[in-house]
C-alpha atoms as a PDB file:
ATOM      1  CA  UNK A   1      95.776  71.941  69.521  1.00  0.00           C
ATOM      2  CA  UNK A   2      97.222  74.250  72.188  1.00  0.00           C
ATOM      3  CA  UNK A   3      95.636  74.358  75.593  1.00  0.00           C
ATOM      4  CA  UNK A   4      93.910  77.495  76.871  1.00  0.00           C
ATOM      5  CA  UNK A   5      96.792  78.080  79.301  1.00  0.00           C
ATOM      6  CA  UNK A   6      99.304  78.108  76.447  1.00  0.00           C
ATOM      7  CA  UNK A   7      97.256  80.694  74.584  1.00  0.00           C
ATOM      8  CA  UNK A   8      97.101  83.184  77.454  1.00  0.00           C
ATOM      9  CA  UNK A   9      99.775  85.904  77.085  1.00  0.00           C
ATOM     10  CA  UNK A  10     102.327  86.087  79.891  1.00  0.00           C
ATOM     11  CA  UNK A  11     101.312  89.643  80.771  1.00  0.00           C
ATOM     12  CA  UNK A  12      97.557  89.212  80.462  1.00  0.00           C
ATOM     13  CA  UNK A  13      95.363  90.406  83.316  1.00  0.00           C
ATOM     14  CA  UNK A  14      94.408  86.817  84.153  1.00  0.00           C
ATOM     15  CA  UNK A  15      98.020  85.657  84.289  1.00  0.00           C
ATOM     16  CA  UNK A  16      99.020  88.631  86.434  1.00  0.00           C
ATOM     17  CA  UNK A  17      96.130  87.996  88.810  1.00  0.00           C
ATOM     18  CA  UNK A  18      97.002  84.312  89.075  1.00  0.00           C
ATOM     19  CA  UNK A  19     100.630  85.166  89.851  1.00  0.00           C
ATOM     20  CA  UNK A  20      99.627  87.716  92.491  1.00  0.00           C
ATOM     21  CA  UNK A  21      97.259  85.270  94.194  1.00  0.00           C
ATOM     22  CA  UNK A  22     100.014  82.660  94.187  1.00  0.00           C
ATOM     23  CA  UNK A  23     102.527  85.117  95.642  1.00  0.00           C
ATOM     24  CA  UNK A  24     100.010  86.287  98.225  1.00  0.00           C
ATOM     25  CA  UNK A  25      99.416  82.708  99.325  1.00  0.00           C
ATOM     26  CA  UNK A  26     103.147  82.043  99.414  1.00  0.00           C
ATOM     27  CA  UNK A  27     103.693  85.131 101.588  1.00  0.00           C
ATOM     28  CA  UNK A  28     100.959  84.082 104.013  1.00  0.00           C
ATOM     29  CA  UNK A  29     102.134  80.486 104.276  1.00  0.00           C
ATOM     30  CA  UNK A  30     105.775  81.504 104.641  1.00  0.00           C
ATOM     31  CA  UNK A  31     104.962  84.052 107.349  1.00  0.00           C
ATOM     32  CA  UNK A  32     102.858  81.524 109.254  1.00  0.00           C
ATOM     33  CA  UNK A  33     105.547  78.858 108.958  1.00  0.00           C
ATOM     34  CA  UNK A  34     108.360  81.168 110.058  1.00  0.00           C
ATOM     35  CA  UNK A  35     106.345  82.496 112.982  1.00  0.00           C
ATOM     36  CA  UNK A  36     105.473  78.974 114.092  1.00  0.00           C
ATOM     37  CA  UNK A  37     109.148  77.942 114.120  1.00  0.00           C
ATOM     38  CA  UNK A  38     110.158  81.067 116.041  1.00  0.00           C
ATOM     39  CA  UNK A  39     107.301  80.622 118.496  1.00  0.00           C
ATOM     40  CA  UNK A  40     108.340  77.026 119.115  1.00  0.00           C
ATOM     41  CA  UNK A  41     111.915  78.115 119.834  1.00  0.00           C
ATOM     42  CA  UNK A  42     110.771  80.859 122.199  1.00  0.00           C
ATOM     43  CA  UNK A  43     108.418  78.488 124.015  1.00  0.00           C
ATOM     44  CA  UNK A  44     111.119  75.856 124.472  1.00  0.00           C
ATOM     45  CA  UNK A  45     113.598  78.390 125.821  1.00  0.00           C
ATOM     46  CA  UNK A  46     111.060  80.107 128.084  1.00  0.00           C
ATOM     47  CA  UNK A  47     109.672  76.943 129.633  1.00  0.00           C
ATOM     48  CA  UNK A  48     113.151  75.563 130.120  1.00  0.00           C
ATOM     49  CA  UNK A  49     114.288  78.768 131.819  1.00  0.00           C
ATOM     50  CA  UNK A  50     111.195  78.883 134.052  1.00  0.00           C
ATOM     51  CA  UNK A  51     111.634  75.249 135.116  1.00  0.00           C
ATOM     52  CA  UNK A  52     115.276  75.897 135.969  1.00  0.00           C
ATOM     53  CA  UNK A  53     114.548  79.053 137.994  1.00  0.00           C
ATOM     54  CA  UNK A  54     111.693  77.417 139.918  1.00  0.00           C
ATOM     55  CA  UNK A  55     113.646  74.232 140.612  1.00  0.00           C
ATOM     56  CA  UNK A  56     116.568  76.263 142.025  1.00  0.00           C
ATOM     57  CA  UNK A  57     114.200  78.283 144.213  1.00  0.00           C
ATOM     58  CA  UNK A  58     115.189  81.566 142.579  1.00  0.00           C
ATOM     59  CA  UNK A  59     111.562  82.422 141.810  1.00  0.00           C
ATOM     60  CA  UNK A  60     108.249  80.868 142.750  1.00  0.00           C
ATOM     61  CA  UNK A  61     105.454  79.690 140.475  1.00  0.00           C
ATOM     62  CA  UNK A  62     103.236  82.440 141.904  1.00  0.00           C
ATOM     63  CA  UNK A  63     105.793  85.120 140.981  1.00  0.00           C
ATOM     64  CA  UNK A  64     106.050  83.738 137.450  1.00  0.00           C
ATOM     65  CA  UNK A  65     102.253  83.771 137.099  1.00  0.00           C
ATOM     66  CA  UNK A  66     101.978  87.355 138.349  1.00  0.00           C
ATOM     67  CA  UNK A  67     104.763  88.578 136.057  1.00  0.00           C
ATOM     68  CA  UNK A  68     103.153  86.832 133.092  1.00  0.00           C
ATOM     69  CA  UNK A  69      99.822  88.530 133.718  1.00  0.00           C
ATOM     70  CA  UNK A  70     101.505  91.939 133.980  1.00  0.00           C
ATOM     71  CA  UNK A  71     103.341  91.492 130.685  1.00  0.00           C
ATOM     72  CA  UNK A  72     100.192  90.210 128.972  1.00  0.00           C
ATOM     73  CA  UNK A  73      98.300  93.314 130.072  1.00  0.00           C
ATOM     74  CA  UNK A  74     101.053  95.564 128.673  1.00  0.00           C
ATOM     75  CA  UNK A  75     100.995  93.778 125.317  1.00  0.00           C
ATOM     76  CA  UNK A  76      97.227  93.809 124.778  1.00  0.00           C
ATOM     77  CA  UNK A  77      97.336  97.036 122.774  1.00  0.00           C
ATOM     78  CA  UNK A  78     100.408  96.107 120.723  1.00  0.00           C
ATOM     79  CA  UNK A  79      99.905  95.338 117.023  1.00  0.00           C
ATOM     80  CA  UNK A  80     102.317  92.703 115.786  1.00  0.00           C
ATOM     81  CA  UNK A  81     103.054  92.691 112.048  1.00  0.00           C
ATOM     82  CA  UNK A  82     104.175  89.762 109.884  1.00  0.00           C
ATOM     83  CA  UNK A  83     106.563  91.442 107.495  1.00  0.00           C
ATOM     84  CA  UNK A  84     104.713  94.290 105.787  1.00  0.00           C
ATOM     85  CA  UNK A  85     106.348  97.593 104.910  1.00  0.00           C
ATOM     86  CA  UNK A  86     105.006 101.117 104.422  1.00  0.00           C
ATOM     87  CA  UNK A  87     107.297 103.913 103.263  1.00  0.00           C
ATOM     88  CA  UNK A  88     107.449 107.140 105.242  1.00  0.00           C
ATOM     89  CA  UNK A  89     109.022 109.972 103.263  1.00  0.00           C
ATOM     90  CA  UNK A  90     110.977 112.647 105.122  1.00  0.00           C
ATOM     91  CA  UNK A  91     109.089 115.863 105.758  1.00  0.00           C
ATOM     92  CA  UNK A  92     111.946 117.912 104.311  1.00  0.00           C
ATOM     93  CA  UNK A  93     113.706 116.674 101.200  1.00  0.00           C
ATOM     94  CA  UNK A  94     117.469 116.970 100.895  1.00  0.00           C
ATOM     95  CA  UNK A  95     118.851 119.944  99.050  1.00  0.00           C
ATOM     96  CA  UNK A  96     120.481 117.723  96.441  1.00  0.00           C
ATOM     97  CA  UNK A  97     118.923 118.581  93.104  1.00  0.00           C
ATOM     98  CA  UNK A  98     117.606 115.805  90.891  1.00  0.00           C
ATOM     99  CA  UNK A  99     119.511 115.443  87.633  1.00  0.00           C
ATOM    100  CA  UNK A 100     117.065 115.392  84.749  1.00  0.00           C
ATOM    101  CA  UNK A 101     117.459 112.333  82.515  1.00  0.00           C
ATOM    102  CA  UNK A 102     116.209 111.976  78.947  1.00  0.00           C
ATOM    103  CA  UNK A 103     114.952 108.420  79.303  1.00  0.00           C
ATOM    104  CA  UNK A 104     113.951 108.144  75.634  1.00  0.00           C
ATOM    105  CA  UNK A 105     117.595 108.589  74.603  1.00  0.00           C
ATOM    106  CA  UNK A 106     118.770 105.814  76.932  1.00  0.00           C
ATOM    107  CA  UNK A 107     115.914 103.322  76.798  1.00  0.00           C
ATOM    108  CA  UNK A 108     117.522 101.223  74.045  1.00  0.00           C
ATOM    109  CA  UNK A 109     120.524 100.700  76.330  1.00  0.00           C
ATOM    110  CA  UNK A 110     119.141 100.520  79.862  1.00  0.00           C
ATOM    111  CA  UNK A 111     115.824  98.772  79.034  1.00  0.00           C
ATOM    112  CA  UNK A 112     114.208 100.670  81.933  1.00  0.00           C
ATOM    113  CA  UNK A 113     116.329  98.764  84.440  1.00  0.00           C
ATOM    114  CA  UNK A 114     115.577 101.379  87.115  1.00  0.00           C
ATOM    115  CA  UNK A 115     112.006 100.074  87.041  1.00  0.00           C
ATOM    116  CA  UNK A 116     113.290  96.809  88.508  1.00  0.00           C
ATOM    117  CA  UNK A 117     114.311  98.605  91.688  1.00  0.00           C
ATOM    118  CA  UNK A 118     112.102  97.917  94.680  1.00  0.00           C
ATOM    119  CA  UNK A 119     110.425 100.189  97.187  1.00  0.00           C
ATOM    120  CA  UNK A 120     107.520 100.250  99.585  1.00  0.00           C
ATOM    121  CA  UNK A 121     104.556 102.525  98.968  1.00  0.00           C
ATOM    122  CA  UNK A 122     103.339 105.204 101.357  1.00  0.00           C
ATOM    123  CA  UNK A 123      99.940 104.897 103.015  1.00  0.00           C
ATOM    124  CA  UNK A 124      98.646 107.658 100.727  1.00  0.00           C
ATOM    125  CA  UNK A 125      99.843 105.836  97.604  1.00  0.00           C
ATOM    126  CA  UNK A 126      98.298 102.589  98.810  1.00  0.00           C
ATOM    127  CA  UNK A 127      94.946 104.136  99.636  1.00  0.00           C
ATOM    128  CA  UNK A 128      94.761 106.022  96.333  1.00  0.00           C
ATOM    129  CA  UNK A 129      94.383 102.697  94.535  1.00  0.00           C
ATOM    130  CA  UNK A 130      96.237 104.054  91.502  1.00  0.00           C
ATOM    131  CA  UNK A 131      99.477 102.140  92.078  1.00  0.00           C
ATOM    132  CA  UNK A 132      99.510  98.363  92.461  1.00  0.00           C
ATOM    133  CA  UNK A 133     101.375  96.683  95.292  1.00  0.00           C
ATOM    134  CA  UNK A 134     102.659  93.123  95.420  1.00  0.00           C
ATOM    135  CA  UNK A 135     100.432  90.697  97.329  1.00  0.00           C
ATOM    136  CA  UNK A 136     103.509  88.563  97.973  1.00  0.00           C
ATOM    137  CA  UNK A 137     105.443  91.399  99.624  1.00  0.00           C
ATOM    138  CA  UNK A 138     103.031  93.981 101.081  1.00  0.00           C
ATOM    139  CA  UNK A 139     103.240  96.933 100.441  1.00  0.00           C
ATOM    140  CA  UNK A 140     106.047  96.967  97.896  1.00  0.00           C
ATOM    141  CA  UNK A 141     105.538  98.107  94.326  1.00  0.00           C
ATOM    142  CA  UNK A 142     104.371  95.231  92.146  1.00  0.00           C
ATOM    143  CA  UNK A 143     106.788  93.626  89.699  1.00  0.00           C
ATOM    144  CA  UNK A 144     105.924  91.049  87.079  1.00  0.00           C
ATOM    145  CA  UNK A 145     107.759  87.867  86.178  1.00  0.00           C
ATOM    146  CA  UNK A 146     110.192  89.791  83.936  1.00  0.00           C
ATOM    147  CA  UNK A 147     111.258  91.816  86.963  1.00  0.00           C
ATOM    148  CA  UNK A 148     109.886  95.111  85.674  1.00  0.00           C
ATOM    149  CA  UNK A 149     107.322  97.257  87.432  1.00  0.00           C
ATOM    150  CA  UNK A 150     103.788  96.234  86.527  1.00  0.00           C
ATOM    151  CA  UNK A 151     103.049  99.790  85.369  1.00  0.00           C
ATOM    152  CA  UNK A 152     105.701  99.821  82.643  1.00  0.00           C
ATOM    153  CA  UNK A 153     104.560  99.724  79.023  1.00  0.00           C
ATOM    154  CA  UNK A 154     106.623  96.809  77.691  1.00  0.00           C
ATOM    155  CA  UNK A 155     106.700  98.247  74.164  1.00  0.00           C
ATOM    156  CA  UNK A 156     107.711 101.839  74.891  1.00  0.00           C
ATOM    157  CA  UNK A 157     109.240 101.611  78.366  1.00  0.00           C
ATOM    158  CA  UNK A 158     106.980 104.456  79.484  1.00  0.00           C
ATOM    159  CA  UNK A 159     105.146 104.612  82.785  1.00  0.00           C
ATOM    160  CA  UNK A 160     101.405 104.003  82.461  1.00  0.00           C
ATOM    161  CA  UNK A 161     100.688 105.816  85.740  1.00  0.00           C
ATOM    162  CA  UNK A 162     103.159 108.640  85.197  1.00  0.00           C
ATOM    163  CA  UNK A 163     100.866 111.376  86.490  1.00  0.00           C
ATOM    164  CA  UNK A 164     100.183 109.346  89.647  1.00  0.00           C
ATOM    165  CA  UNK A 165     103.595 107.690  90.030  1.00  0.00           C
ATOM    166  CA  UNK A 166     104.943 107.297  93.588  1.00  0.00           C
ATOM    167  CA  UNK A 167     106.888 110.189  95.084  1.00  0.00           C
ATOM    168  CA  UNK A 168     110.058 108.116  95.255  1.00  0.00           C
ATOM    169  CA  UNK A 169     109.919 107.667  91.487  1.00  0.00           C
ATOM    170  CA  UNK A 170     109.502 111.405  91.026  1.00  0.00           C
ATOM    171  CA  UNK A 171     112.595 112.109  93.099  1.00  0.00           C
ATOM    172  CA  UNK A 172     114.791 109.344  91.703  1.00  0.00           C
ATOM    173  CA  UNK A 173     117.441 109.932  89.039  1.00  0.00           C
ATOM    174  CA  UNK A 174     119.686 107.217  87.626  1.00  0.00           C
ATOM    175  CA  UNK A 175     122.326 109.852  86.777  1.00  0.00           C
ATOM    176  CA  UNK A 176     124.043 109.435  90.144  1.00  0.00           C
ATOM    177  CA  UNK A 177     123.224 105.769  90.600  1.00  0.00           C
ATOM    178  CA  UNK A 178     126.507 103.903  90.201  1.00  0.00           C
ATOM    179  CA  UNK A 179     124.615 100.624  90.381  1.00  0.00           C
ATOM    180  CA  UNK A 180     123.041 101.435  87.028  1.00  0.00           C
ATOM    181  CA  UNK A 181     125.740 103.344  85.155  1.00  0.00           C
ATOM    182  CA  UNK A 182     129.496 102.870  85.122  1.00  0.00           C
ATOM    183  CA  UNK A 183     129.670 106.062  83.108  1.00  0.00           C
ATOM    184  CA  UNK A 184     126.475 108.076  82.851  1.00  0.00           C
ATOM    185  CA  UNK A 185     127.759 110.495  80.213  1.00  0.00           C
ATOM    186  CA  UNK A 186     129.037 107.710  77.950  1.00  0.00           C
ATOM    187  CA  UNK A 187     125.886 105.651  78.555  1.00  0.00           C
ATOM    188  CA  UNK A 188     127.939 102.710  79.814  1.00  0.00           C
ATOM    189  CA  UNK A 189     125.862 100.384  81.982  1.00  0.00           C
ATOM    190  CA  UNK A 190     127.195  98.706  85.105  1.00  0.00           C
ATOM    191  CA  UNK A 191     126.292  95.373  83.579  1.00  0.00           C
ATOM    192  CA  UNK A 192     128.159  93.284  86.140  1.00  0.00           C
ATOM    193  CA  UNK A 193     126.116  94.727  88.997  1.00  0.00           C
ATOM    194  CA  UNK A 194     122.868  94.446  87.046  1.00  0.00           C
ATOM    195  CA  UNK A 195     123.501  90.809  86.144  1.00  0.00           C
ATOM    196  CA  UNK A 196     124.373  89.979  89.740  1.00  0.00           C
ATOM    197  CA  UNK A 197     121.397  91.627  91.395  1.00  0.00           C
ATOM    198  CA  UNK A 198     118.560  91.347  88.908  1.00  0.00           C
ATOM    199  CA  UNK A 199     118.409  87.594  88.581  1.00  0.00           C
ATOM    200  CA  UNK A 200     114.939  86.207  87.918  1.00  0.00           C
ATOM    201  CA  UNK A 201     113.867  84.131  90.874  1.00  0.00           C
ATOM    202  CA  UNK A 202     110.447  82.872  91.793  1.00  0.00           C
ATOM    203  CA  UNK A 203     109.317  84.148  94.176  1.00  0.00           C
ATOM    204  CA  UNK A 204     111.654  87.153  94.274  1.00  0.00           C
ATOM    205  CA  UNK A 205     113.796  86.973  97.407  1.00  0.00           C
ATOM    206  CA  UNK A 206     116.365  89.668  96.678  1.00  0.00           C
ATOM    207  CA  UNK A 207     115.256  93.264  96.930  1.00  0.00           C
ATOM    208  CA  UNK A 208     117.309  96.084  95.487  1.00  0.00           C
ATOM    209  CA  UNK A 209     115.834  99.268  96.839  1.00  0.00           C
ATOM    210  CA  UNK A 210     115.266 102.534  95.030  1.00  0.00           C
ATOM    211  CA  UNK A 211     116.228 105.681  96.888  1.00  0.00           C
ATOM    212  CA  UNK A 212     116.768 109.336  96.165  1.00  0.00           C
ATOM    213  CA  UNK A 213     120.427 109.324  97.134  1.00  0.00           C
ATOM    214  CA  UNK A 214     121.278 106.514  94.679  1.00  0.00           C
ATOM    215  CA  UNK A 215     123.878 104.881  96.860  1.00  0.00           C
END
């Protein structure tokens, strides 16, 4: 008899939630660990420098204490992040026109590979609650274990939040993206680049960003 875990589909809501909680925990623990290592290095360097300066009579302990208090006062209002990202779109879009692409004619070849590209959401998109972001990499669009955007219909390749899709998706066209197509007109994929950059890793460390200019 199969266990309950074996019977749960890979893309079920429960499996997706479990993966997101795991990634969220990994992000938190990684950020804390990295910050602790960096803090330890900064402390060691700072205390060593202070001891050297005081011992050589270059500065006094009182001067160090006063300077420390001044800097602390200046930093009280600063908000220090731990690796989150929010997209800010330019107020004026470039004049380059988006090339319309008939995705249905290419889906059997590209397999919606553009939906593996990464990007951060804007504050408006986050607050709308209509687009899911990845708990493991706030506030980037959420991808599932197959690398595709969580909002992609795996059977049709269509977007399940098309009417509310992020602005960057609206402005993106794969027609000029040489990472995706070697020859757009001939529908020849740049398979070497795709194979190199879209390797399934867990958790995902490599980010290939989506942009309007399709570099």
